[in-house]
């Protein structure tokens, strides 16, 4: 079987540090990020974006989940420490660098770590 036939999808995890806390506290800003991101990486949203603030103790923050036609995008925000954690999984190919650049710029992050895994 050829390698291409084994490929199932791509998983990208973005760890952003030094973000603008105002953006991380704003559920509408988080929704706008998801709308902008899905357009940038050419994904089609499936259903509404769910955004909620929850957690325990020091681990409270806004999180968002968006189904896309080929899987999902999940965002977790830590406004107290200025961090955002974004996970994108899709069975449709996309450019993780475009996603990383957009998210870093959008949240005004000072640093970003990007992890990409091809799933089989």
C-alpha atoms as a PDB file:
ATOM      1  CA  UNK A   1       0.000   0.000   0.000  1.00  0.00           C
ATOM      2  CA  UNK A   2       1.361   3.433  -0.887  1.00  0.00           C
ATOM      3  CA  UNK A   3       2.157   5.915   1.901  1.00  0.00           C
ATOM      4  CA  UNK A   4      -0.453   8.373   0.597  1.00  0.00           C
ATOM      5  CA  UNK A   5      -3.209   5.790   1.105  1.00  0.00           C
ATOM      6  CA  UNK A   6      -2.282   5.376   4.793  1.00  0.00           C
ATOM      7  CA  UNK A   7      -2.498   9.102   5.546  1.00  0.00           C
ATOM      8  CA  UNK A   8      -5.559   9.930   7.662  1.00  0.00           C
ATOM      9  CA  UNK A   9      -5.057  13.553   8.625  1.00  0.00           C
ATOM     10  CA  UNK A  10      -2.900  16.290  10.047  1.00  0.00           C
ATOM     11  CA  UNK A  11      -2.823  17.426  13.657  1.00  0.00           C
ATOM     12  CA  UNK A  12      -1.343  20.807  14.549  1.00  0.00           C
ATOM     13  CA  UNK A  13      -0.896  22.056  18.099  1.00  0.00           C
ATOM     14  CA  UNK A  14      -0.013  25.689  18.710  1.00  0.00           C
ATOM     15  CA  UNK A  15       1.245  26.940  22.086  1.00  0.00           C
ATOM     16  CA  UNK A  16       1.173  30.745  22.199  1.00  0.00           C
ATOM     17  CA  UNK A  17       2.798  32.755  25.019  1.00  0.00           C
ATOM     18  CA  UNK A  18       2.810  36.455  25.799  1.00  0.00           C
ATOM     19  CA  UNK A  19      -0.650  36.989  24.273  1.00  0.00           C
ATOM     20  CA  UNK A  20      -2.847  40.048  24.759  1.00  0.00           C
ATOM     21  CA  UNK A  21      -4.999  39.110  27.802  1.00  0.00           C
ATOM     22  CA  UNK A  22      -7.868  41.312  26.575  1.00  0.00           C
ATOM     23  CA  UNK A  23      -8.258  39.104  23.498  1.00  0.00           C
ATOM     24  CA  UNK A  24      -8.043  35.925  25.570  1.00  0.00           C
ATOM     25  CA  UNK A  25     -10.895  37.185  27.814  1.00  0.00           C
ATOM     26  CA  UNK A  26     -13.189  38.140  24.928  1.00  0.00           C
ATOM     27  CA  UNK A  27     -15.468  35.331  23.669  1.00  0.00           C
ATOM     28  CA  UNK A  28     -16.371  37.328  20.540  1.00  0.00           C
ATOM     29  CA  UNK A  29     -12.672  37.790  19.715  1.00  0.00           C
ATOM     30  CA  UNK A  30     -12.171  34.035  20.071  1.00  0.00           C
ATOM     31  CA  UNK A  31     -15.099  33.385  17.696  1.00  0.00           C
ATOM     32  CA  UNK A  32     -13.615  35.862  15.199  1.00  0.00           C
ATOM     33  CA  UNK A  33     -10.285  34.025  15.382  1.00  0.00           C
ATOM     34  CA  UNK A  34     -11.993  30.753  14.495  1.00  0.00           C
ATOM     35  CA  UNK A  35     -13.900  32.328  11.581  1.00  0.00           C
ATOM     36  CA  UNK A  36     -10.698  33.930  10.276  1.00  0.00           C
ATOM     37  CA  UNK A  37      -8.647  30.768  10.793  1.00  0.00           C
ATOM     38  CA  UNK A  38     -11.103  28.494   8.984  1.00  0.00           C
ATOM     39  CA  UNK A  39     -11.093  30.852   6.002  1.00  0.00           C
ATOM     40  CA  UNK A  40      -7.285  31.115   6.004  1.00  0.00           C
ATOM     41  CA  UNK A  41      -6.741  27.337   5.955  1.00  0.00           C
ATOM     42  CA  UNK A  42      -9.698  26.779   3.604  1.00  0.00           C
ATOM     43  CA  UNK A  43     -11.912  24.791   5.962  1.00  0.00           C
ATOM     44  CA  UNK A  44     -15.686  24.813   6.104  1.00  0.00           C
ATOM     45  CA  UNK A  45     -17.266  25.293   9.532  1.00  0.00           C
ATOM     46  CA  UNK A  46     -19.916  22.760  10.521  1.00  0.00           C
ATOM     47  CA  UNK A  47     -22.444  24.159  12.970  1.00  0.00           C
ATOM     48  CA  UNK A  48     -21.966  26.967  15.477  1.00  0.00           C
ATOM     49  CA  UNK A  49     -18.802  27.777  17.380  1.00  0.00           C
ATOM     50  CA  UNK A  50     -19.183  26.810  21.018  1.00  0.00           C
ATOM     51  CA  UNK A  51     -17.428  29.152  23.456  1.00  0.00           C
ATOM     52  CA  UNK A  52     -17.566  28.752  27.221  1.00  0.00           C
ATOM     53  CA  UNK A  53     -15.638  29.823  30.308  1.00  0.00           C
ATOM     54  CA  UNK A  54     -14.944  27.055  32.778  1.00  0.00           C
ATOM     55  CA  UNK A  55     -12.296  25.293  34.822  1.00  0.00           C
ATOM     56  CA  UNK A  56     -11.219  24.960  38.424  1.00  0.00           C
ATOM     57  CA  UNK A  57      -9.029  27.067  40.679  1.00  0.00           C
ATOM     58  CA  UNK A  58      -6.276  28.785  38.705  1.00  0.00           C
ATOM     59  CA  UNK A  59      -7.152  26.793  35.584  1.00  0.00           C
ATOM     60  CA  UNK A  60     -10.160  28.844  34.504  1.00  0.00           C
ATOM     61  CA  UNK A  61     -10.448  30.389  31.088  1.00  0.00           C
ATOM     62  CA  UNK A  62     -12.338  30.624  27.840  1.00  0.00           C
ATOM     63  CA  UNK A  63     -12.359  27.624  25.543  1.00  0.00           C
ATOM     64  CA  UNK A  64     -13.877  27.206  22.107  1.00  0.00           C
ATOM     65  CA  UNK A  65     -14.726  24.257  19.910  1.00  0.00           C
ATOM     66  CA  UNK A  66     -15.566  24.375  16.219  1.00  0.00           C
ATOM     67  CA  UNK A  67     -16.417  21.357  14.146  1.00  0.00           C
ATOM     68  CA  UNK A  68     -15.151  21.666  10.610  1.00  0.00           C
ATOM     69  CA  UNK A  69     -16.327  19.527   7.741  1.00  0.00           C
ATOM     70  CA  UNK A  70     -13.237  17.361   8.098  1.00  0.00           C
ATOM     71  CA  UNK A  71     -12.819  17.352  11.911  1.00  0.00           C
ATOM     72  CA  UNK A  72     -12.325  20.134  14.506  1.00  0.00           C
ATOM     73  CA  UNK A  73     -10.530  23.170  15.917  1.00  0.00           C
ATOM     74  CA  UNK A  74     -10.193  23.624  19.688  1.00  0.00           C
ATOM     75  CA  UNK A  75      -8.929  26.736  21.501  1.00  0.00           C
ATOM     76  CA  UNK A  76      -8.066  27.045  25.203  1.00  0.00           C
ATOM     77  CA  UNK A  77      -7.188  30.463  26.631  1.00  0.00           C
ATOM     78  CA  UNK A  78      -5.329  31.266  29.840  1.00  0.00           C
ATOM     79  CA  UNK A  79      -5.830  35.003  30.257  1.00  0.00           C
ATOM     80  CA  UNK A  80      -4.038  35.141  33.636  1.00  0.00           C
ATOM     81  CA  UNK A  81      -0.771  33.871  32.116  1.00  0.00           C
ATOM     82  CA  UNK A  82      -1.275  35.260  28.605  1.00  0.00           C
ATOM     83  CA  UNK A  83      -1.318  31.845  26.928  1.00  0.00           C
ATOM     84  CA  UNK A  84      -3.451  30.203  24.257  1.00  0.00           C
ATOM     85  CA  UNK A  85      -3.414  26.585  23.147  1.00  0.00           C
ATOM     86  CA  UNK A  86      -4.913  25.753  19.757  1.00  0.00           C
ATOM     87  CA  UNK A  87      -5.410  22.313  18.232  1.00  0.00           C
ATOM     88  CA  UNK A  88      -6.409  21.726  14.624  1.00  0.00           C
ATOM     89  CA  UNK A  89      -7.162  18.291  13.222  1.00  0.00           C
ATOM     90  CA  UNK A  90      -8.341  17.703   9.680  1.00  0.00           C
ATOM     91  CA  UNK A  91      -8.489  14.897   7.161  1.00  0.00           C
ATOM     92  CA  UNK A  92      -8.210  17.626   4.510  1.00  0.00           C
ATOM     93  CA  UNK A  93      -4.690  18.916   3.948  1.00  0.00           C
ATOM     94  CA  UNK A  94      -3.895  22.440   5.142  1.00  0.00           C
ATOM     95  CA  UNK A  95      -0.822  24.557   5.723  1.00  0.00           C
ATOM     96  CA  UNK A  96       0.086  24.563   9.445  1.00  0.00           C
ATOM     97  CA  UNK A  97       2.466  27.521   8.955  1.00  0.00           C
ATOM     98  CA  UNK A  98      -0.433  29.701   7.737  1.00  0.00           C
ATOM     99  CA  UNK A  99      -2.435  28.720  10.823  1.00  0.00           C
ATOM    100  CA  UNK A 100       0.483  29.406  13.184  1.00  0.00           C
ATOM    101  CA  UNK A 101       1.299  32.793  11.654  1.00  0.00           C
ATOM    102  CA  UNK A 102      -2.327  33.908  11.768  1.00  0.00           C
ATOM    103  CA  UNK A 103      -2.890  32.812  15.392  1.00  0.00           C
ATOM    104  CA  UNK A 104       0.347  34.415  16.601  1.00  0.00           C
ATOM    105  CA  UNK A 105      -0.514  37.707  14.949  1.00  0.00           C
ATOM    106  CA  UNK A 106      -4.177  37.602  16.024  1.00  0.00           C
ATOM    107  CA  UNK A 107      -3.456  37.035  19.737  1.00  0.00           C
ATOM    108  CA  UNK A 108      -0.379  39.328  19.590  1.00  0.00           C
ATOM    109  CA  UNK A 109       1.747  36.492  20.992  1.00  0.00           C
ATOM    110  CA  UNK A 110       5.400  37.066  21.728  1.00  0.00           C
ATOM    111  CA  UNK A 111       6.310  33.415  21.112  1.00  0.00           C
ATOM    112  CA  UNK A 112       4.771  30.352  19.549  1.00  0.00           C
ATOM    113  CA  UNK A 113       5.653  26.676  19.507  1.00  0.00           C
ATOM    114  CA  UNK A 114       4.185  24.628  16.668  1.00  0.00           C
ATOM    115  CA  UNK A 115       3.846  20.854  16.666  1.00  0.00           C
ATOM    116  CA  UNK A 116       2.645  19.052  13.546  1.00  0.00           C
ATOM    117  CA  UNK A 117       1.902  15.373  13.283  1.00  0.00           C
ATOM    118  CA  UNK A 118       0.772  13.437  10.244  1.00  0.00           C
ATOM    119  CA  UNK A 119      -1.783  10.868  11.393  1.00  0.00           C
ATOM    120  CA  UNK A 120      -1.962   7.420   9.854  1.00  0.00           C
END
